[in-house]
Amino acid sequence: MSYQSVNPTNGKVLKKFKEFSDAQLEKAIKTAATCFETWRHKTFAERAIIVTKAATILRERADEFAKPVTLEMGKLIAESRGEVALSADILDYYAWNAEDFLAPQILKPKSGEAVIESTPIGVLFGVQPWNFPYYQLARFTAPNLMAGNVVMVKHAGCVPQCAIAFEKLWRDAGAPAGTYTNLFVSHEQVNRVIDDPRIKGVALTGSVEAGKSVAARAGKNLKKSTMELGGSDAFIVLDDADLDATVKWAVWAKMNNMGQCCVAGKRFIVVEELADKFLEKFQAALSVFKPGDPMDKATTLGPLSTEGALVQLLSQIKRAVAKGAKVVMGGKRIDCPGSYMETTILTNIKPSNPAYREEFFGPVALFFRVKNEDEAIALANDSDFGLGGSVFTSDIARGKRVASRIDTGMVFINHPTWTACDLPFGGIKNSGYGRELSSLGIQEFVNKKLVRVSSIDAAA
């Protein structure tokens, strides 16, 4: 595996990094395992001092952290700064709330006493993606460090400078060696880490194929795992939706992070009454995006993260068109240096078309028109994915009824699927299992230990 920074605005290699040797990997795991034996016994207040310090550093040095995100994967600089701020909020959220979330749960058995304690399980291994280089790390790291675990992370190969910056953050915050460890490891070494008995849990955010591989390896070792594997979120527009406001949200849902988001709006499902007007307004709104340097705050269209990502997206569009899809707008590479893609809308996508099942990770919207609410729900559910989704309607009660019928991990009403510290994040079907963030996210990798007190004279 290659760890190198390549600026997607011009294709220039910024810096390369060597993979760990086996000896370096062994030393890192040993250090983490040793650290856990101390970290697990610290109080919540002691852990919180370090976690809140890390949050403070992120805010104080926001531009310093934001810059490598934009340089390595092309995120607009304003969005990079927003990601740094969100990551800081996540750290603070768990520093402030972990003790309450993991408080002993008092049970009421028929006799005696019983309590459920939440205790850390050890060293955790996370495999994390490039599209939100800090946020993904924060939502894995913050709850687990506050729970008393320690973490090791294999980040994506295209954002190594972000990976290094986040590891240094914890050193600067005063975390002991081994609390947070970045691993530049090969695919073979990833398997070795999962196999290692000192590793007690595994978390991955990434592709379905990566999830299958890592989950299988964890399962073979009887280790708890969580998987967040992307999605093909439905953006449902019902006949009573506020069209102008809905189109604005549709653009945000599609173009945030250049569409390179697991919960981006990907399938725009619009009832017949509004379909033509929605498509006209949506196309007009997407047509104003212009490519430029993502470091320039005036730029509205950044590059895709890598040349490979662009080539894959173009290949998907080509296959879709070959099977009958119609290109309403875009569909091509932009003729300029870097990995820039035109904003694109595809229609006439039948169930036999591969595009009907695939996830398009970029500025490509799939447009579907349906007769009514029931057809919208059926189409939304006819997906191998089940991460997020949204429903737009002026009738909130109706929106809630529709949301209840959609088979997915998250549904938002009158807002695109998004993330917040206090909202659980995760999906079903090929979108994975387990939850991150909120009170649920800190429960995934703790031992729910029952402590039972009975009378010594009780009958057997």
Protein backbone atom coordinates (compact mmCIF):
# COMPACT_ATOMS: atom_id res chain seq x y z
CA MET A 1 0.00 0.00 0.00
CA SER A 2 1.24 3.48 -0.84
CA TYR A 3 0.99 6.40 1.56
CA GLN A 4 1.46 9.61 -0.37
CA SER A 5 0.00 13.08 -0.60
CA VAL A 6 -1.06 13.99 -4.13
CA ASN A 7 -2.67 17.38 -4.69
CA PRO A 8 -5.81 16.58 -6.76
CA THR A 9 -5.93 20.13 -8.15
CA ASN A 10 -2.81 19.47 -10.24
CA GLY A 11 -1.77 15.85 -9.72
CA LYS A 12 1.53 16.78 -8.10
CA VAL A 13 3.01 14.49 -5.45
CA LEU A 14 3.53 16.50 -2.27
CA LYS A 15 5.12 13.90 -0.02
CA LYS A 16 5.58 10.15 0.34
CA PHE A 17 5.72 8.04 3.48
CA LYS A 18 7.19 4.61 4.14
CA GLU A 19 5.10 1.75 5.48
CA PHE A 20 5.88 0.40 8.91
CA SER A 21 8.34 -2.44 9.19
CA ASP A 22 7.12 -5.50 11.09
CA ALA A 23 9.37 -4.46 13.98
CA GLN A 24 7.82 -0.98 14.07
CA LEU A 25 4.34 -2.48 14.06
CA GLU A 26 5.15 -4.84 16.91
CA LYS A 27 6.60 -1.99 18.96
CA ALA A 28 3.49 0.11 18.33
CA ILE A 29 1.09 -2.65 19.43
CA LYS A 30 3.19 -3.40 22.49
CA THR A 31 3.21 0.27 23.46
CA ALA A 32 -0.56 0.52 23.02
CA ALA A 33 -1.20 -2.61 25.08
CA THR A 34 1.04 -1.31 27.86
CA CYS A 35 -0.66 2.09 27.76
CA PHE A 36 -4.09 0.50 28.11
CA GLU A 37 -3.19 -1.02 31.47
CA THR A 38 -2.69 2.49 32.82
CA TRP A 39 -5.26 4.40 30.79
CA ARG A 40 -8.09 2.05 31.76
CA HIS A 41 -7.67 3.00 35.42
CA LYS A 42 -7.75 6.75 34.94
CA THR A 43 -10.91 8.50 36.04
CA PHE A 44 -13.29 10.03 33.55
CA ALA A 45 -12.16 13.46 34.76
CA GLU A 46 -8.50 12.60 34.12
CA ARG A 47 -9.23 11.36 30.61
CA ALA A 48 -11.42 14.39 29.93
CA ILE A 49 -8.54 16.77 30.65
CA ILE A 50 -6.61 15.34 27.70
CA VAL A 51 -9.60 15.01 25.36
CA THR A 52 -10.78 18.58 25.96
CA LYS A 53 -7.21 19.81 25.52
CA ALA A 54 -7.17 18.15 22.10
CA ALA A 55 -10.44 19.90 21.23
CA THR A 56 -8.99 23.23 22.28
CA ILE A 57 -5.90 22.70 20.12
CA LEU A 58 -8.08 21.91 17.10
CA ARG A 59 -9.96 25.18 17.52
CA GLU A 60 -6.89 27.28 18.22
CA ARG A 61 -5.03 25.89 15.20
CA ALA A 62 -8.00 25.36 12.89
CA ASP A 63 -6.31 26.71 9.76
CA GLU A 64 -3.21 24.61 10.40
CA PHE A 65 -5.34 21.46 10.56
CA ALA A 66 -7.63 22.44 7.68
CA LYS A 67 -4.89 23.07 5.13
CA PRO A 68 -3.69 19.45 4.68
CA VAL A 69 -7.29 18.28 4.20
CA THR A 70 -7.67 20.59 1.22
CA LEU A 71 -4.19 19.86 -0.14
CA GLU A 72 -4.53 16.08 0.11
CA MET A 73 -8.11 15.40 -0.96
CA GLY A 74 -9.37 18.66 -2.44
CA LYS A 75 -12.08 19.63 0.04
CA LEU A 76 -13.10 23.29 -0.20
CA ILE A 77 -11.16 25.17 2.47
CA ALA A 78 -14.34 26.42 4.20
CA GLU A 79 -15.56 22.83 4.46
CA SER A 80 -12.17 21.74 5.80
CA ARG A 81 -12.40 24.34 8.54
CA GLY A 82 -15.93 23.19 9.28
CA GLU A 83 -14.71 19.61 9.63
CA VAL A 84 -12.04 20.68 12.12
CA ALA A 85 -14.68 22.49 14.19
CA LEU A 86 -17.03 19.48 14.10
CA SER A 87 -14.21 17.19 15.19
CA ALA A 88 -13.48 19.45 18.15
CA ASP A 89 -17.16 19.42 19.10
CA ILE A 90 -17.16 15.61 19.09
CA LEU A 91 -14.17 15.48 21.42
CA ASP A 92 -15.81 17.88 23.85
CA TYR A 93 -19.14 16.06 23.66
CA TYR A 94 -17.67 12.80 24.91
CA ALA A 95 -15.40 14.47 27.43
CA TRP A 96 -18.47 16.08 28.97
CA ASN A 97 -20.90 13.17 28.71
CA ALA A 98 -18.97 9.88 28.86
CA GLU A 99 -19.30 9.39 32.60
CA ASP A 100 -23.09 9.74 32.45
CA PHE A 101 -23.34 7.50 29.38
CA LEU A 102 -21.36 4.74 31.09
CA ALA A 103 -22.80 5.11 34.59
CA PRO A 104 -23.61 1.81 36.33
CA GLN A 105 -27.10 0.58 35.49
CA ILE A 106 -28.97 -0.55 38.60
CA LEU A 107 -31.19 -3.60 38.02
CA LYS A 108 -34.07 -4.80 40.18
CA PRO A 109 -33.86 -8.59 40.42
CA LYS A 110 -36.43 -10.57 42.41
CA SER A 111 -33.88 -10.93 45.19
CA GLY A 112 -30.52 -9.47 46.13
CA GLU A 113 -28.78 -6.79 44.12
CA ALA A 114 -27.53 -6.46 40.54
CA VAL A 115 -25.75 -3.80 38.53
CA ILE A 116 -24.35 -3.58 35.01
CA GLU A 117 -20.93 -1.97 34.81
CA SER A 118 -19.46 -0.65 31.57
CA THR A 119 -15.73 -1.36 31.40
CA PRO A 120 -13.16 -0.89 28.62
CA ILE A 121 -12.04 -3.92 26.63
CA GLY A 122 -8.57 -2.93 25.44
CA VAL A 123 -6.74 -1.88 22.30
CA LEU A 124 -9.03 -1.09 19.36
CA PHE A 125 -8.12 -0.99 15.68
CA GLY A 126 -9.82 1.41 13.28
CA VAL A 127 -9.62 1.47 9.48
CA GLN A 128 -10.70 4.92 8.34
CA PRO A 129 -11.44 6.65 4.98
CA TRP A 130 -10.18 9.79 3.30
CA ASN A 131 -13.38 11.77 2.71
CA PHE A 132 -13.52 13.32 6.21
CA PRO A 133 -9.92 12.89 7.38
CA TYR A 134 -10.45 14.23 10.93
CA TYR A 135 -14.16 13.76 11.59
CA GLN A 136 -13.93 10.01 10.94
CA LEU A 137 -11.04 9.76 13.37
CA ALA A 138 -12.73 11.93 16.00
CA ARG A 139 -15.95 9.94 16.10
CA PHE A 140 -14.00 6.69 16.54
CA THR A 141 -11.40 8.04 18.95
CA ALA A 142 -13.29 10.31 21.35
CA PRO A 143 -15.86 7.85 22.75
CA ASN A 144 -13.39 5.00 22.98
CA LEU A 145 -10.66 6.97 24.73
CA MET A 146 -13.21 8.33 27.18
CA ALA A 147 -14.46 4.77 27.79
CA GLY A 148 -10.93 3.76 28.80
CA ASN A 149 -9.85 1.98 25.62
CA VAL A 150 -6.86 3.00 23.52
CA VAL A 151 -6.93 3.17 19.73
CA MET A 152 -4.75 2.37 16.74
CA VAL A 153 -5.73 3.68 13.30
CA LYS A 154 -4.89 2.78 9.73
CA HIS A 155 -5.91 5.85 7.75
CA ALA A 156 -6.45 6.05 3.98
CA GLY A 157 -3.30 6.07 1.88
CA CYS A 158 -4.08 9.42 0.22
CA VAL A 159 -4.29 11.50 3.43
CA PRO A 160 -1.09 10.63 5.31
CA GLN A 161 -0.37 14.19 6.43
CA CYS A 162 -3.82 14.39 8.02
CA ALA A 163 -3.13 11.05 9.72
CA ILE A 164 0.14 12.34 11.15
CA ALA A 165 -1.43 15.63 12.24
CA PHE A 166 -4.17 13.84 14.20
CA GLU A 167 -1.66 11.59 15.95
CA LYS A 168 0.47 14.60 16.89
CA LEU A 169 -2.67 16.31 18.22
CA TRP A 170 -2.88 13.73 20.99
CA ARG A 171 0.79 14.06 21.88
CA ASP A 172 0.37 17.84 22.06
CA ALA A 173 -2.68 17.33 24.30
CA GLY A 174 -0.59 15.31 26.75
CA ALA A 175 -1.85 11.82 25.98
CA PRO A 176 0.52 9.02 27.06
CA ALA A 177 2.39 7.14 24.34
CA GLY A 178 0.11 4.43 22.97
CA THR A 179 -3.16 6.22 23.67
CA TYR A 180 -3.57 7.06 19.98
CA THR A 181 -1.36 5.45 17.33
CA ASN A 182 -1.28 6.05 13.58
CA LEU A 183 -0.27 2.99 11.55
CA PHE A 184 1.19 3.19 8.05
CA VAL A 185 0.64 -0.50 7.34
CA SER A 186 0.13 -2.76 4.33
CA HIS A 187 -2.96 -4.85 3.63
CA GLU A 188 -1.07 -7.90 4.87
CA GLN A 189 -0.16 -6.08 8.07
CA VAL A 190 -3.80 -5.05 8.54
CA ASN A 191 -4.66 -8.73 8.78
CA ARG A 192 -1.82 -9.23 11.23
CA VAL A 193 -3.14 -6.44 13.43
CA ILE A 194 -6.66 -7.90 13.43
CA ASP A 195 -5.26 -11.35 14.24
CA ASP A 196 -3.15 -10.07 17.13
CA PRO A 197 -4.66 -11.18 20.47
CA ARG A 198 -3.83 -7.79 22.00
CA ILE A 199 -6.35 -6.16 19.65
CA LYS A 200 -9.85 -6.51 21.15
CA GLY A 201 -12.13 -4.75 18.65
CA VAL A 202 -12.20 -3.52 15.06
CA ALA A 203 -14.04 -0.61 13.42
CA LEU A 204 -14.10 0.23 9.72
CA THR A 205 -15.60 2.97 7.61
CA GLY A 206 -15.18 2.29 3.92
CA SER A 207 -16.38 0.29 0.94
CA VAL A 208 -18.57 -2.80 1.04
CA GLU A 209 -15.71 -4.98 -0.17
CA ALA A 210 -13.33 -3.61 2.46
CA GLY A 211 -16.02 -4.18 5.08
CA LYS A 212 -16.52 -7.78 4.05
CA SER A 213 -12.80 -8.45 4.24
CA VAL A 214 -12.20 -6.79 7.61
CA ALA A 215 -15.43 -8.06 9.19
CA ALA A 216 -14.61 -11.62 8.08
CA ARG A 217 -11.14 -11.36 9.59
CA ALA A 218 -12.51 -9.97 12.84
CA GLY A 219 -15.18 -12.65 12.95
CA LYS A 220 -12.60 -15.37 12.40
CA ASN A 221 -10.88 -14.05 15.52
CA LEU A 222 -14.16 -13.69 17.45
CA LYS A 223 -13.65 -9.97 17.83
CA LYS A 224 -16.38 -7.36 18.04
CA SER A 225 -16.58 -5.11 14.98
CA THR A 226 -18.55 -2.16 13.68
CA MET A 227 -18.93 -1.34 9.98
CA GLU A 228 -20.03 1.86 8.22
CA LEU A 229 -19.97 1.06 4.53
CA GLY A 230 -21.50 3.90 2.61
CA GLY A 231 -24.90 4.27 1.06
CA SER A 232 -27.16 5.35 -1.77
CA ASP A 233 -29.43 7.67 0.16
CA ALA A 234 -32.89 8.50 -1.14
CA PHE A 235 -33.89 12.17 -1.23
CA ILE A 236 -37.70 11.96 -1.44
CA VAL A 237 -39.72 14.98 -2.57
CA LEU A 238 -43.46 14.66 -1.95
CA ASP A 239 -46.13 16.65 -3.77
CA ASP A 240 -46.65 19.14 -0.92
CA ALA A 241 -42.97 20.06 -0.47
CA ASP A 242 -41.80 23.67 -0.52
CA LEU A 243 -40.09 23.40 -3.91
CA ASP A 244 -37.64 26.31 -3.71
CA ALA A 245 -36.42 25.40 -0.23
CA THR A 246 -36.24 21.72 -1.16
CA VAL A 247 -34.09 22.42 -4.23
CA LYS A 248 -31.65 24.42 -2.09
CA TRP A 249 -31.31 21.46 0.25
CA ALA A 250 -31.02 19.09 -2.70
CA VAL A 251 -28.01 21.02 -3.98
CA TRP A 252 -26.41 20.96 -0.53
CA ALA A 253 -27.16 17.26 -0.13
CA LYS A 254 -25.52 16.48 -3.46
CA MET A 255 -22.57 18.88 -3.46
CA ASN A 256 -21.35 18.94 0.12
CA ASN A 257 -17.79 17.60 -0.04
CA MET A 258 -18.27 17.36 -3.83
CA GLY A 259 -20.73 14.52 -3.26
CA GLN A 260 -18.01 12.39 -1.67
CA CYS A 261 -20.06 11.63 1.40
CA CYS A 262 -21.66 8.40 2.57
CA VAL A 263 -24.90 10.22 3.38
CA ALA A 264 -24.92 12.53 0.37
CA GLY A 265 -28.19 12.72 -1.52
CA LYS A 266 -27.67 10.19 -4.29
CA ARG A 267 -31.13 9.08 -5.50
CA PHE A 268 -33.52 12.01 -5.97
CA ILE A 269 -37.02 10.55 -5.95
CA VAL A 270 -39.67 13.13 -6.89
CA VAL A 271 -43.44 12.67 -7.25
CA GLU A 272 -44.88 13.36 -10.68
CA GLU A 273 -46.60 16.64 -9.76
CA LEU A 274 -43.25 18.33 -8.96
CA ALA A 275 -40.84 16.28 -11.05
CA ASP A 276 -40.43 18.59 -14.04
CA LYS A 277 -40.18 21.79 -11.99
CA PHE A 278 -37.79 20.20 -9.51
CA LEU A 279 -35.51 18.90 -12.28
CA GLU A 280 -35.49 22.28 -14.02
CA LYS A 281 -34.58 24.16 -10.84
CA PHE A 282 -32.09 21.51 -9.70
CA GLN A 283 -30.28 21.58 -13.03
CA ALA A 284 -30.11 25.37 -13.00
CA ALA A 285 -28.70 25.39 -9.47
CA LEU A 286 -26.04 22.78 -10.25
CA SER A 287 -24.98 24.58 -13.42
CA VAL A 288 -23.50 27.52 -11.49
CA PHE A 289 -20.74 25.47 -9.86
CA LYS A 290 -17.37 26.46 -11.29
CA PRO A 291 -14.01 24.70 -10.82
CA GLY A 292 -11.16 26.43 -9.09
CA ASP A 293 -8.50 26.19 -6.42
CA PRO A 294 -10.18 24.75 -3.29
CA MET A 295 -7.85 26.92 -1.20
CA ASP A 296 -9.66 29.94 -2.64
CA LYS A 297 -12.78 30.63 -0.59
CA ALA A 298 -14.55 31.83 -3.77
CA THR A 299 -14.26 28.40 -5.43
CA THR A 300 -17.49 26.40 -5.56
CA LEU A 301 -16.36 23.22 -7.35
CA GLY A 302 -13.33 21.40 -6.05
CA PRO A 303 -11.64 18.33 -7.50
CA LEU A 304 -12.43 14.76 -6.62
CA SER A 305 -10.10 13.28 -4.04
CA THR A 306 -7.91 11.34 -6.47
CA GLU A 307 -7.51 10.67 -10.16
CA GLY A 308 -8.65 7.10 -9.50
CA ALA A 309 -11.90 8.35 -7.97
CA LEU A 310 -12.59 10.44 -11.08
CA VAL A 311 -11.82 7.58 -13.45
CA GLN A 312 -14.14 5.27 -11.52
CA LEU A 313 -17.00 7.77 -11.59
CA LEU A 314 -16.60 8.33 -15.34
CA SER A 315 -16.63 4.57 -15.84
CA GLN A 316 -19.87 4.24 -13.87
CA ILE A 317 -21.51 6.93 -15.97
CA LYS A 318 -20.38 5.25 -19.19
CA ARG A 319 -21.86 1.91 -18.08
CA ALA A 320 -25.09 3.59 -16.99
CA VAL A 321 -25.52 5.33 -20.36
CA ALA A 322 -24.72 2.10 -22.22
CA LYS A 323 -27.64 0.51 -20.38
CA GLY A 324 -30.11 3.27 -21.24
CA ALA A 325 -29.55 6.08 -18.74
CA LYS A 326 -29.89 9.63 -20.06
CA VAL A 327 -27.41 12.40 -19.21
CA VAL A 328 -29.43 15.53 -18.40
CA MET A 329 -26.30 17.57 -17.72
CA GLY A 330 -22.58 17.02 -17.26
CA GLY A 331 -21.20 13.51 -17.31
CA LYS A 332 -17.67 14.43 -18.30
CA ARG A 333 -14.29 15.36 -16.95
CA ILE A 334 -13.64 19.12 -16.91
CA ASP A 335 -10.93 20.17 -19.33
CA CYS A 336 -8.45 21.63 -16.85
CA PRO A 337 -5.54 20.41 -14.74
CA GLY A 338 -6.54 18.20 -11.82
CA SER A 339 -9.28 15.67 -11.13
CA TYR A 340 -12.35 17.83 -11.75
CA MET A 341 -15.77 16.41 -12.66
CA GLU A 342 -18.77 18.21 -14.13
CA THR A 343 -21.90 18.35 -11.99
CA THR A 344 -24.07 15.61 -13.44
CA ILE A 345 -27.68 14.42 -13.47
CA LEU A 346 -28.70 11.03 -14.83
CA THR A 347 -32.30 9.95 -15.52
CA ASN A 348 -34.12 7.01 -17.09
CA ILE A 349 -32.36 4.55 -14.81
CA LYS A 350 -34.13 1.19 -14.90
CA PRO A 351 -33.70 -1.62 -12.35
CA SER A 352 -31.64 -3.54 -14.94
CA ASN A 353 -29.12 -0.70 -15.13
CA PRO A 354 -26.03 -1.19 -12.92
CA ALA A 355 -26.42 2.44 -11.81
CA TYR A 356 -29.67 1.46 -10.08
CA ARG A 357 -27.66 -0.52 -7.50
CA GLU A 358 -24.36 1.33 -7.32
CA GLU A 359 -23.16 4.12 -5.09
CA PHE A 360 -21.98 7.19 -7.03
CA PHE A 361 -19.35 8.88 -4.86
CA GLY A 362 -19.14 12.32 -6.39
CA PRO A 363 -21.18 15.15 -8.00
CA VAL A 364 -23.55 12.79 -9.81
CA ALA A 365 -27.28 12.83 -9.01
CA LEU A 366 -29.62 10.02 -10.04
CA PHE A 367 -33.10 11.38 -10.76
CA PHE A 368 -36.28 9.27 -10.53
CA ARG A 369 -39.89 10.33 -11.00
CA VAL A 370 -42.65 8.36 -9.26
CA LYS A 371 -46.44 8.49 -9.28
CA ASN A 372 -47.06 8.82 -5.58
CA GLU A 373 -45.84 8.42 -2.01
CA ASP A 374 -46.08 4.63 -2.04
CA GLU A 375 -43.95 4.37 -5.17
CA ALA A 376 -41.40 6.73 -3.61
CA ILE A 377 -41.11 4.53 -0.54
CA ALA A 378 -40.86 1.35 -2.60
CA LEU A 379 -38.09 2.81 -4.73
CA ALA A 380 -36.23 4.14 -1.68
CA ASN A 381 -36.31 0.66 -0.15
CA ASP A 382 -35.25 -1.08 -3.36
CA SER A 383 -31.58 -0.67 -2.55
CA ASP A 384 -28.79 -2.86 -1.26
CA PHE A 385 -27.80 0.05 1.00
CA GLY A 386 -29.51 1.42 4.07
CA LEU A 387 -27.55 4.26 5.62
CA GLY A 388 -29.56 7.49 5.49
CA GLY A 389 -32.38 9.18 3.64
CA SER A 390 -34.58 12.25 3.71
CA VAL A 391 -38.21 13.21 3.11
CA PHE A 392 -39.41 16.68 2.09
CA THR A 393 -43.02 17.61 2.79
CA SER A 394 -45.02 20.45 4.36
CA ASP A 395 -46.91 17.92 6.48
CA ILE A 396 -44.60 16.81 9.31
CA ALA A 397 -46.95 14.02 10.43
CA ARG A 398 -46.92 12.68 6.89
CA GLY A 399 -43.13 12.93 6.81
CA LYS A 400 -42.89 10.88 9.99
CA ARG A 401 -45.18 8.21 8.58
CA VAL A 402 -43.06 7.96 5.44
CA ALA A 403 -39.84 7.90 7.48
CA SER A 404 -41.15 4.97 9.50
CA ARG A 405 -41.63 2.96 6.30
CA ILE A 406 -38.12 3.51 4.93
CA ASP A 407 -35.63 0.71 5.61
CA THR A 408 -32.51 2.58 6.60
CA GLY A 409 -30.46 3.58 9.62
CA MET A 410 -31.36 7.29 9.58
CA VAL A 411 -34.12 9.40 8.06
CA PHE A 412 -34.29 13.20 8.19
CA ILE A 413 -37.44 15.20 7.48
CA ASN A 414 -37.03 18.49 5.58
CA HIS A 415 -33.26 18.30 5.87
CA PRO A 416 -30.67 16.13 4.14
CA THR A 417 -29.12 13.34 6.16
CA TRP A 418 -26.28 14.78 8.19
CA THR A 419 -24.33 14.28 11.38
CA ALA A 420 -24.18 15.77 14.86
CA CYS A 421 -22.46 14.77 18.08
CA ASP A 422 -25.71 13.84 19.81
CA LEU A 423 -27.30 11.89 16.94
CA PRO A 424 -26.50 8.18 16.34
CA PHE A 425 -24.88 7.46 12.98
CA GLY A 426 -25.01 4.11 11.20
CA GLY A 427 -26.96 1.87 8.88
CA ILE A 428 -28.31 -1.52 7.91
CA LYS A 429 -28.01 -3.89 4.93
CA ASN A 430 -24.84 -3.25 2.90
CA SER A 431 -24.32 -0.01 4.80
CA GLY A 432 -23.02 -2.02 7.73
CA TYR A 433 -23.84 -2.38 11.41
CA GLY A 434 -23.18 -0.69 14.71
CA ARG A 435 -23.57 2.97 15.63
CA GLU A 436 -21.22 5.88 16.17
CA LEU A 437 -21.82 9.20 17.95
CA SER A 438 -24.48 10.00 20.60
CA SER A 439 -24.86 7.84 23.70
CA LEU A 440 -24.93 4.75 21.48
CA GLY A 441 -21.48 5.29 20.00
CA ILE A 442 -19.67 4.87 23.30
CA GLN A 443 -21.43 1.58 24.05
CA GLU A 444 -20.01 -0.43 21.14
CA PHE A 445 -16.64 -1.39 22.62
CA VAL A 446 -17.27 -1.74 26.33
CA ASN A 447 -17.93 -4.83 28.40
CA LYS A 448 -21.43 -4.76 29.86
CA LYS A 449 -20.49 -6.64 32.99
CA LEU A 450 -23.15 -7.92 35.37
CA VAL A 451 -22.30 -7.78 39.07
CA ARG A 452 -24.80 -9.80 41.12
CA VAL A 453 -25.11 -9.97 44.89
CA SER A 454 -27.10 -12.85 46.43
CA SER A 455 -27.52 -14.13 49.94
CA ILE A 456 -25.02 -16.84 50.74
CA ASP A 457 -27.88 -18.77 52.26
CA ALA A 458 -29.97 -18.69 49.08
CA ALA A 459 -31.15 -22.04 47.81
CA ALA A 460 -29.39 -23.41 44.72
